[in-house]
Protein backbone atom coordinates (compact mmCIF):
# COMPACT_ATOMS: atom_id res chain seq x y z
CA MET A 1 -3.24 -14.59 -16.73
CA GLN A 2 -5.30 -11.77 -18.24
CA VAL A 3 -7.79 -11.95 -15.37
CA PHE A 4 -4.99 -11.49 -12.83
CA LYS A 5 -3.37 -8.74 -14.90
CA ASP A 6 -6.66 -6.84 -15.09
CA GLN A 7 -7.16 -7.28 -11.35
CA LEU A 8 -3.64 -5.99 -10.64
CA LEU A 9 -4.07 -2.99 -12.96
CA THR A 10 -7.38 -2.06 -11.31
CA LEU A 11 -5.86 -2.40 -7.85
CA ARG A 12 -2.87 -0.29 -8.90
CA VAL A 13 -5.11 2.56 -10.09
CA ARG A 14 -7.15 2.47 -6.89
CA LEU A 15 -4.09 2.44 -4.63
CA ARG A 16 -2.39 5.25 -6.54
CA ASP A 17 -5.54 7.33 -6.08
CA ASP A 18 -5.59 6.47 -2.37
CA VAL A 19 -1.92 7.43 -1.99
CA ASP A 20 -2.56 10.74 -3.77
CA HIS A 21 -5.41 11.55 -1.36
CA LEU A 22 -3.31 10.53 1.63
CA ALA A 23 -0.44 12.71 0.42
CA ASP A 24 -2.81 15.68 0.14
CA ALA A 25 -4.02 15.04 3.70
CA ALA A 26 -0.48 14.63 5.06
CA LEU A 27 0.68 17.87 3.48
CA LYS A 28 -1.97 19.98 5.19
CA LYS A 29 0.08 21.90 7.70
CA SER A 30 -2.41 22.24 10.53
CA ARG A 31 -6.04 21.96 11.46
CA SER A 32 -6.49 25.76 11.18
CA GLU A 33 -4.88 25.93 7.72
CA ALA A 34 -6.91 22.94 6.58
CA ASN A 35 -10.07 24.75 7.71
CA GLY A 36 -8.95 27.97 6.04
CA ASP A 37 -8.30 29.82 9.32
CA LEU A 38 -5.34 32.06 8.64
CA SER A 39 -5.53 34.07 11.87
CA SER A 40 -2.51 34.29 14.14
CA MET A 41 -4.37 32.98 17.20
CA PRO A 42 -2.44 30.16 18.85
CA ILE A 43 -3.74 26.62 18.61
CA HIS A 44 -4.32 24.54 21.71
CA MET A 45 -1.51 22.07 22.43
CA ALA A 46 -3.93 19.13 22.29
CA ASP A 47 -4.90 20.16 18.78
CA LEU A 48 -1.24 20.21 17.77
CA GLY A 49 -0.79 16.73 19.21
CA SER A 50 -3.83 15.48 17.32
CA ASP A 51 -2.58 17.04 14.11
CA ASN A 52 0.82 15.41 14.54
CA PHE A 53 -0.74 12.01 15.28
CA GLU A 54 -3.01 12.24 12.24
CA GLN A 55 -0.10 13.22 10.02
CA GLU A 56 2.07 10.33 11.30
CA PHE A 57 -0.81 7.90 10.85
CA THR A 58 -1.43 9.14 7.32
CA LEU A 59 2.26 8.82 6.45
CA SER A 60 2.25 5.27 7.82
CA LEU A 61 -0.74 4.39 5.62
CA MET A 62 1.06 5.90 2.63
CA GLU A 63 4.12 3.78 3.35
CA ASN A 64 2.04 0.60 3.58
CA GLU A 65 0.15 1.32 0.38
CA GLY A 66 3.40 2.28 -1.32
CA GLY A 67 4.77 -1.16 -0.42
CA THR A 68 1.69 -2.83 -1.85
CA LEU A 69 2.07 -0.77 -5.04
CA ALA A 70 5.67 -2.01 -5.36
CA GLN A 71 4.44 -5.61 -4.98
CA ILE A 72 1.82 -5.01 -7.67
CA GLU A 73 4.47 -3.63 -10.03
CA THR A 74 6.63 -6.70 -9.37
CA SER A 75 3.69 -8.98 -10.12
CA LEU A 76 2.95 -7.16 -13.38
CA GLU A 77 6.61 -7.59 -14.37
CA ARG A 78 6.39 -11.28 -13.48
CA ILE A 79 3.37 -11.63 -15.79
CA GLU A 80 5.38 -10.09 -18.64
CA GLU A 81 8.30 -12.43 -17.87
CA GLY A 82 5.99 -15.45 -17.79
CA ILE A 83 6.79 -16.36 -14.17
CA TYR A 84 3.68 -14.99 -12.47
CA GLY A 85 2.15 -17.53 -10.10
CA GLN A 86 5.47 -19.19 -9.39
CA CYS A 87 6.85 -18.94 -5.85
CA GLU A 88 9.90 -16.72 -5.80
CA GLU A 89 11.43 -18.77 -2.96
CA CYS A 90 10.89 -22.43 -3.84
CA GLY A 91 9.65 -22.27 -7.44
CA ALA A 92 6.39 -24.11 -6.72
CA ARG A 93 3.11 -22.96 -8.27
CA ILE A 94 1.14 -20.55 -6.12
CA PRO A 95 -2.45 -21.83 -5.87
CA LYS A 96 -5.01 -19.82 -7.85
CA LYS A 97 -7.09 -19.50 -4.69
CA ARG A 98 -4.21 -17.58 -3.06
CA LEU A 99 -3.69 -15.43 -6.15
CA LYS A 100 -7.39 -14.57 -6.26
CA ALA A 101 -7.17 -13.40 -2.63
CA ILE A 102 -3.78 -11.69 -2.99
CA PRO A 103 -3.03 -11.16 -6.68
CA TYR A 104 0.37 -9.64 -5.89
CA ALA A 105 1.55 -12.67 -3.88
CA ILE A 106 5.03 -13.83 -4.91
CA LEU A 107 5.36 -16.61 -2.32
CA CYS A 108 3.42 -19.81 -1.84
CA ILE A 109 1.67 -20.23 1.51
CA ARG A 110 4.42 -22.44 2.96
CA CYS A 111 7.21 -20.00 2.06
CA ALA A 112 5.16 -17.01 3.24
CA GLU A 113 4.59 -18.70 6.62
CA GLN A 114 8.29 -19.47 6.91
CA GLN A 115 9.18 -15.87 6.09
CA GLU A 116 6.76 -14.57 8.74
CA GLN A 117 8.40 -16.76 11.38
CA ARG A 118 11.87 -15.33 10.69
CA PRO A 119 12.97 -12.64 13.13
């Protein structure tokens, strides 16, 4: 269990750092402010569209990584409770090979596939 706990803790630190950097990028108001241009000259509409797209994309990445962070926290709690590596759906053991690939997995492969097929 300690190997998986260490892996989860390392991943959590890395993702938190990534989310912090993404938040900094998302909070930059515009390309001109990000570049330090404080003049009142208007920005081209295409630049505004690009800025908006980049901000939406960054926010989407933050949301995804935030979800992964929540899964990591759940897995760390499951380690403390002594139920890490047990499928949350059916109770079967999650193979170590799966946990090595996705240390925050809470479902066995069969249950994960079934969940993906649900609308």
